[in-house]
Amino acid sequence: MYSVIVVPPACARPDDRIRIATGERLTFGRAEGGDGLTIAHEGVPRIAGEISAQGTFWLLSNRSEHQTYVVENPEGAGEHIKVGPGRVDAPVSFEFSRIVLPAAGDLLTFDV
């Protein structure tokens, strides 16, 4: 059973979503290929981070050396957490989330 669904940027169809079962991990970043989530932007690190499903919550690791990631709760009036550079396995308990990645002056997002 899948406990986390990742909606990539510009996801047009339900088949484009990535499902992660408890105990599984999904790497995201600029690197192409493999089973990870590719974010095609020059300002995104080759391996930007990792999402790990843990049943009723998930963990976010920030592999960036300089950028802080923000996880927003679109359902909660401004509720968010910040995950600093190098932070590993930050717990996220929002049922719906938007990850915001700063990338060379742009703010890129995808949903979890």
N, C-alpha and C. Protein backbone atom coordinates (compact mmCIF):
# COMPACT_ATOMS: atom_id res chain seq x y z
N MET A 1 0.84 -1.18 0.00
CA MET A 1 0.00 0.00 0.00
C MET A 1 0.89 1.24 0.00
N TYR A 2 0.53 2.21 -0.81
CA TYR A 2 1.29 3.44 -0.91
C TYR A 2 0.82 4.42 0.17
N SER A 3 1.78 5.06 0.83
CA SER A 3 1.41 6.01 1.87
C SER A 3 1.70 7.45 1.47
N VAL A 4 2.51 7.65 0.41
CA VAL A 4 2.85 9.00 -0.04
C VAL A 4 2.72 9.06 -1.56
N ILE A 5 2.10 10.14 -2.04
CA ILE A 5 2.00 10.36 -3.48
C ILE A 5 2.68 11.69 -3.79
N VAL A 6 3.64 11.67 -4.72
CA VAL A 6 4.37 12.87 -5.13
C VAL A 6 3.82 13.31 -6.48
N VAL A 7 3.44 14.59 -6.56
CA VAL A 7 2.91 15.16 -7.80
C VAL A 7 3.99 16.06 -8.39
N PRO A 8 4.65 15.59 -9.46
CA PRO A 8 5.73 16.37 -10.07
C PRO A 8 5.24 17.70 -10.64
N PRO A 9 6.16 18.65 -10.86
CA PRO A 9 5.77 19.90 -11.51
C PRO A 9 5.16 19.59 -12.88
N ALA A 10 4.13 20.33 -13.24
CA ALA A 10 3.46 20.18 -14.54
C ALA A 10 2.90 18.78 -14.75
N CYS A 11 2.42 18.16 -13.68
CA CYS A 11 1.82 16.82 -13.78
C CYS A 11 0.47 16.96 -14.47
N ALA A 12 0.32 16.33 -15.63
CA ALA A 12 -0.89 16.47 -16.42
C ALA A 12 -1.88 15.32 -16.22
N ARG A 13 -1.37 14.15 -15.85
CA ARG A 13 -2.24 12.97 -15.73
C ARG A 13 -1.99 12.26 -14.41
N PRO A 14 -3.00 11.58 -13.89
CA PRO A 14 -2.80 10.80 -12.65
C PRO A 14 -1.68 9.77 -12.78
N ASP A 15 -1.44 9.26 -13.99
CA ASP A 15 -0.37 8.27 -14.19
C ASP A 15 1.02 8.87 -13.99
N ASP A 16 1.14 10.20 -14.04
CA ASP A 16 2.43 10.87 -13.89
C ASP A 16 2.84 10.98 -12.42
N ARG A 17 1.92 10.73 -11.52
CA ARG A 17 2.22 10.81 -10.09
C ARG A 17 3.12 9.66 -9.68
N ILE A 18 3.93 9.90 -8.65
CA ILE A 18 4.86 8.88 -8.15
C ILE A 18 4.37 8.42 -6.79
N ARG A 19 4.16 7.14 -6.64
CA ARG A 19 3.66 6.58 -5.38
C ARG A 19 4.80 5.91 -4.63
N ILE A 20 4.86 6.17 -3.31
CA ILE A 20 5.92 5.62 -2.47
C ILE A 20 5.28 4.86 -1.32
N ALA A 21 5.69 3.63 -1.13
CA ALA A 21 5.19 2.81 -0.02
C ALA A 21 6.05 3.05 1.22
N THR A 22 5.50 2.73 2.36
CA THR A 22 6.23 2.87 3.62
C THR A 22 7.58 2.17 3.52
N GLY A 23 8.63 2.89 3.91
CA GLY A 23 9.99 2.36 3.86
C GLY A 23 10.72 2.66 2.57
N GLU A 24 10.02 3.13 1.55
CA GLU A 24 10.67 3.47 0.28
C GLU A 24 11.13 4.92 0.28
N ARG A 25 12.10 5.21 -0.61
CA ARG A 25 12.66 6.56 -0.73
C ARG A 25 12.60 7.01 -2.18
N LEU A 26 12.46 8.31 -2.38
CA LEU A 26 12.46 8.92 -3.70
C LEU A 26 13.45 10.07 -3.70
N THR A 27 14.45 9.99 -4.57
CA THR A 27 15.43 11.06 -4.72
C THR A 27 14.91 12.06 -5.74
N PHE A 28 15.14 13.36 -5.51
CA PHE A 28 14.75 14.36 -6.48
C PHE A 28 15.91 15.32 -6.74
N GLY A 29 15.94 15.88 -7.94
CA GLY A 29 16.99 16.81 -8.32
C GLY A 29 17.10 16.95 -9.82
N ARG A 30 18.15 17.61 -10.27
CA ARG A 30 18.35 17.88 -11.69
C ARG A 30 18.82 16.66 -12.47
N ALA A 31 19.43 15.67 -11.80
CA ALA A 31 19.94 14.47 -12.48
C ALA A 31 18.81 13.77 -13.21
N GLU A 32 19.07 13.39 -14.44
CA GLU A 32 18.06 12.69 -15.24
C GLU A 32 18.31 11.20 -15.19
N GLY A 33 17.25 10.44 -15.37
CA GLY A 33 17.37 8.99 -15.40
C GLY A 33 17.06 8.39 -14.04
N GLY A 34 16.99 7.08 -14.02
CA GLY A 34 16.69 6.39 -12.78
C GLY A 34 15.22 6.52 -12.41
N ASP A 35 14.92 6.17 -11.18
CA ASP A 35 13.54 6.19 -10.72
C ASP A 35 13.20 7.42 -9.90
N GLY A 36 14.08 8.41 -9.88
CA GLY A 36 13.85 9.61 -9.10
C GLY A 36 12.97 10.62 -9.81
N LEU A 37 12.74 11.73 -9.14
CA LEU A 37 11.96 12.84 -9.69
C LEU A 37 12.94 13.86 -10.27
N THR A 38 12.87 14.07 -11.59
CA THR A 38 13.76 15.02 -12.25
C THR A 38 13.11 16.40 -12.27
N ILE A 39 13.85 17.40 -11.79
CA ILE A 39 13.40 18.79 -11.83
C ILE A 39 14.37 19.53 -12.74
N ALA A 40 13.92 19.77 -13.96
CA ALA A 40 14.78 20.32 -15.00
C ALA A 40 14.94 21.83 -14.85
N HIS A 41 15.91 22.23 -14.06
CA HIS A 41 16.24 23.65 -13.86
C HIS A 41 17.71 23.72 -13.47
N GLU A 42 18.45 24.60 -14.12
CA GLU A 42 19.89 24.72 -13.87
C GLU A 42 20.23 25.08 -12.42
N GLY A 43 19.29 25.73 -11.71
CA GLY A 43 19.55 26.14 -10.34
C GLY A 43 19.31 25.07 -9.30
N VAL A 44 18.82 23.91 -9.72
CA VAL A 44 18.55 22.80 -8.79
C VAL A 44 19.79 21.91 -8.74
N PRO A 45 20.22 21.53 -7.54
CA PRO A 45 21.37 20.62 -7.45
C PRO A 45 21.09 19.29 -8.16
N ARG A 46 22.16 18.66 -8.60
CA ARG A 46 22.04 17.37 -9.28
C ARG A 46 21.24 16.38 -8.44
N ILE A 47 21.58 16.26 -7.18
CA ILE A 47 20.78 15.50 -6.22
C ILE A 47 20.38 16.49 -5.14
N ALA A 48 19.14 16.97 -5.21
CA ALA A 48 18.68 18.04 -4.32
C ALA A 48 18.16 17.53 -2.99
N GLY A 49 17.56 16.35 -2.99
CA GLY A 49 17.00 15.86 -1.74
C GLY A 49 16.39 14.49 -1.89
N GLU A 50 15.69 14.10 -0.82
CA GLU A 50 15.11 12.77 -0.78
C GLU A 50 13.85 12.79 0.09
N ILE A 51 12.84 12.05 -0.35
CA ILE A 51 11.60 11.88 0.40
C ILE A 51 11.52 10.42 0.81
N SER A 52 11.18 10.19 2.07
CA SER A 52 11.05 8.83 2.58
C SER A 52 9.68 8.67 3.21
N ALA A 53 8.92 7.67 2.76
CA ALA A 53 7.58 7.41 3.30
C ALA A 53 7.68 6.64 4.61
N GLN A 54 6.90 7.07 5.60
CA GLN A 54 6.93 6.43 6.91
C GLN A 54 5.52 6.20 7.45
N GLY A 55 4.62 5.71 6.63
CA GLY A 55 3.25 5.45 7.10
C GLY A 55 2.41 6.70 7.06
N THR A 56 2.11 7.28 8.24
CA THR A 56 1.23 8.44 8.31
C THR A 56 1.98 9.78 8.16
N PHE A 57 3.27 9.74 7.97
CA PHE A 57 4.04 10.95 7.74
C PHE A 57 5.18 10.61 6.79
N TRP A 58 5.98 11.60 6.43
CA TRP A 58 7.12 11.36 5.56
C TRP A 58 8.29 12.21 6.02
N LEU A 59 9.47 11.86 5.53
CA LEU A 59 10.71 12.54 5.92
C LEU A 59 11.30 13.23 4.71
N LEU A 60 11.86 14.41 4.92
CA LEU A 60 12.51 15.16 3.85
C LEU A 60 13.97 15.38 4.21
N SER A 61 14.85 15.01 3.30
CA SER A 61 16.28 15.28 3.45
C SER A 61 16.68 16.32 2.42
N ASN A 62 17.42 17.34 2.86
CA ASN A 62 17.88 18.42 1.99
C ASN A 62 19.35 18.17 1.68
N ARG A 63 19.66 17.79 0.45
CA ARG A 63 21.04 17.51 0.04
C ARG A 63 21.75 18.74 -0.52
N SER A 64 21.06 19.87 -0.57
CA SER A 64 21.67 21.11 -1.04
C SER A 64 22.72 21.59 -0.04
N GLU A 65 23.75 22.25 -0.55
CA GLU A 65 24.79 22.79 0.33
C GLU A 65 24.47 24.20 0.81
N HIS A 66 23.56 24.91 0.09
CA HIS A 66 23.36 26.32 0.40
C HIS A 66 21.90 26.76 0.53
N GLN A 67 20.95 25.98 0.03
CA GLN A 67 19.56 26.44 -0.02
C GLN A 67 18.70 25.77 1.05
N THR A 68 17.81 26.56 1.65
CA THR A 68 16.83 26.05 2.60
C THR A 68 15.55 25.74 1.83
N TYR A 69 14.97 24.57 2.07
CA TYR A 69 13.70 24.20 1.44
C TYR A 69 12.57 24.54 2.41
N VAL A 70 11.44 24.92 1.85
CA VAL A 70 10.26 25.22 2.65
C VAL A 70 9.18 24.20 2.29
N VAL A 71 8.54 23.66 3.31
CA VAL A 71 7.41 22.75 3.11
C VAL A 71 6.18 23.49 3.63
N GLU A 72 5.26 23.80 2.72
CA GLU A 72 4.06 24.54 3.06
C GLU A 72 2.88 23.60 3.23
N ASN A 73 1.97 23.96 4.12
CA ASN A 73 0.71 23.26 4.27
C ASN A 73 -0.34 24.12 3.58
N PRO A 74 -0.76 23.77 2.35
CA PRO A 74 -1.72 24.60 1.64
C PRO A 74 -3.08 24.71 2.34
N GLU A 75 -3.36 23.79 3.26
CA GLU A 75 -4.62 23.82 3.98
C GLU A 75 -4.56 24.62 5.28
N GLY A 76 -3.36 24.96 5.74
CA GLY A 76 -3.20 25.67 7.01
C GLY A 76 -2.74 27.09 6.78
N ALA A 77 -3.38 28.03 7.36
CA ALA A 77 -3.14 29.46 7.14
C ALA A 77 -1.67 29.84 7.36
N GLY A 78 -0.83 29.59 6.37
CA GLY A 78 0.58 29.96 6.45
C GLY A 78 1.46 28.98 7.19
N GLU A 79 0.92 27.86 7.60
CA GLU A 79 1.70 26.87 8.32
C GLU A 79 2.78 26.29 7.40
N HIS A 80 4.02 26.23 7.90
CA HIS A 80 5.13 25.72 7.10
C HIS A 80 6.27 25.28 8.01
N ILE A 81 7.20 24.51 7.42
CA ILE A 81 8.45 24.20 8.11
C ILE A 81 9.59 24.50 7.15
N LYS A 82 10.76 24.77 7.70
CA LYS A 82 11.95 25.01 6.89
C LYS A 82 12.93 23.87 7.15
N VAL A 83 13.54 23.39 6.05
CA VAL A 83 14.52 22.31 6.15
C VAL A 83 15.84 22.86 5.63
N GLY A 84 16.77 23.08 6.52
CA GLY A 84 18.05 23.71 6.18
C GLY A 84 18.97 22.82 5.37
N PRO A 85 19.99 23.42 4.76
CA PRO A 85 20.96 22.66 3.97
C PRO A 85 21.61 21.55 4.80
N GLY A 86 21.67 20.36 4.21
CA GLY A 86 22.31 19.23 4.87
C GLY A 86 21.45 18.51 5.89
N ARG A 87 20.26 19.02 6.18
CA ARG A 87 19.37 18.37 7.16
C ARG A 87 18.88 17.05 6.60
N VAL A 88 18.93 16.00 7.41
CA VAL A 88 18.52 14.67 6.99
C VAL A 88 17.30 14.23 7.79
N ASP A 89 16.31 13.68 7.11
CA ASP A 89 15.13 13.06 7.72
C ASP A 89 14.33 14.01 8.62
N ALA A 90 14.00 15.19 8.10
CA ALA A 90 13.11 16.11 8.82
C ALA A 90 11.68 15.57 8.69
N PRO A 91 10.97 15.32 9.79
CA PRO A 91 9.62 14.76 9.70
C PRO A 91 8.60 15.81 9.24
N VAL A 92 7.71 15.39 8.33
CA VAL A 92 6.65 16.25 7.83
C VAL A 92 5.33 15.52 8.05
N SER A 93 4.43 16.14 8.80
CA SER A 93 3.17 15.46 9.13
C SER A 93 1.96 16.08 8.44
N PHE A 94 2.17 17.06 7.55
CA PHE A 94 1.05 17.66 6.83
C PHE A 94 0.44 16.60 5.90
N GLU A 95 -0.89 16.55 5.85
CA GLU A 95 -1.55 15.59 4.96
C GLU A 95 -1.31 15.95 3.50
N PHE A 96 -1.36 17.24 3.19
CA PHE A 96 -1.03 17.75 1.86
C PHE A 96 0.10 18.76 2.03
N SER A 97 1.09 18.72 1.14
CA SER A 97 2.24 19.61 1.28
C SER A 97 2.70 20.11 -0.07
N ARG A 98 3.33 21.26 -0.04
CA ARG A 98 3.99 21.81 -1.22
C ARG A 98 5.45 22.08 -0.84
N ILE A 99 6.38 21.47 -1.56
CA ILE A 99 7.80 21.71 -1.32
C ILE A 99 8.23 22.84 -2.23
N VAL A 100 8.88 23.85 -1.65
CA VAL A 100 9.36 25.01 -2.40
C VAL A 100 10.89 24.95 -2.43
N LEU A 101 11.45 24.90 -3.65
CA LEU A 101 12.90 24.87 -3.84
C LEU A 101 13.37 26.17 -4.46
N PRO A 102 14.23 26.92 -3.79
CA PRO A 102 14.81 28.11 -4.44
C PRO A 102 15.86 27.66 -5.47
N ALA A 103 15.79 28.25 -6.67
CA ALA A 103 16.69 27.83 -7.73
C ALA A 103 17.07 29.02 -8.61
N ALA A 104 18.23 29.59 -8.37
CA ALA A 104 18.76 30.69 -9.19
C ALA A 104 17.75 31.81 -9.37
N GLY A 105 17.14 32.26 -8.29
CA GLY A 105 16.18 33.36 -8.35
C GLY A 105 14.74 32.94 -8.59
N ASP A 106 14.52 31.68 -8.93
CA ASP A 106 13.16 31.15 -9.12
C ASP A 106 12.76 30.32 -7.91
N LEU A 107 11.44 30.20 -7.72
CA LEU A 107 10.91 29.31 -6.70
C LEU A 107 10.16 28.19 -7.40
N LEU A 108 10.67 26.99 -7.30
CA LEU A 108 10.07 25.83 -7.94
C LEU A 108 9.30 25.03 -6.91
N THR A 109 8.18 24.44 -7.30
CA THR A 109 7.37 23.69 -6.35
C THR A 109 6.95 22.34 -6.92
N PHE A 110 6.70 21.42 -6.00
CA PHE A 110 5.98 20.19 -6.31
C PHE A 110 5.25 19.76 -5.05
N ASP A 111 4.21 18.95 -5.24
CA ASP A 111 3.32 18.58 -4.13
C ASP A 111 3.57 17.16 -3.66
N VAL A 112 3.32 16.96 -2.37
CA VAL A 112 3.42 15.64 -1.76
C VAL A 112 2.16 15.40 -0.98
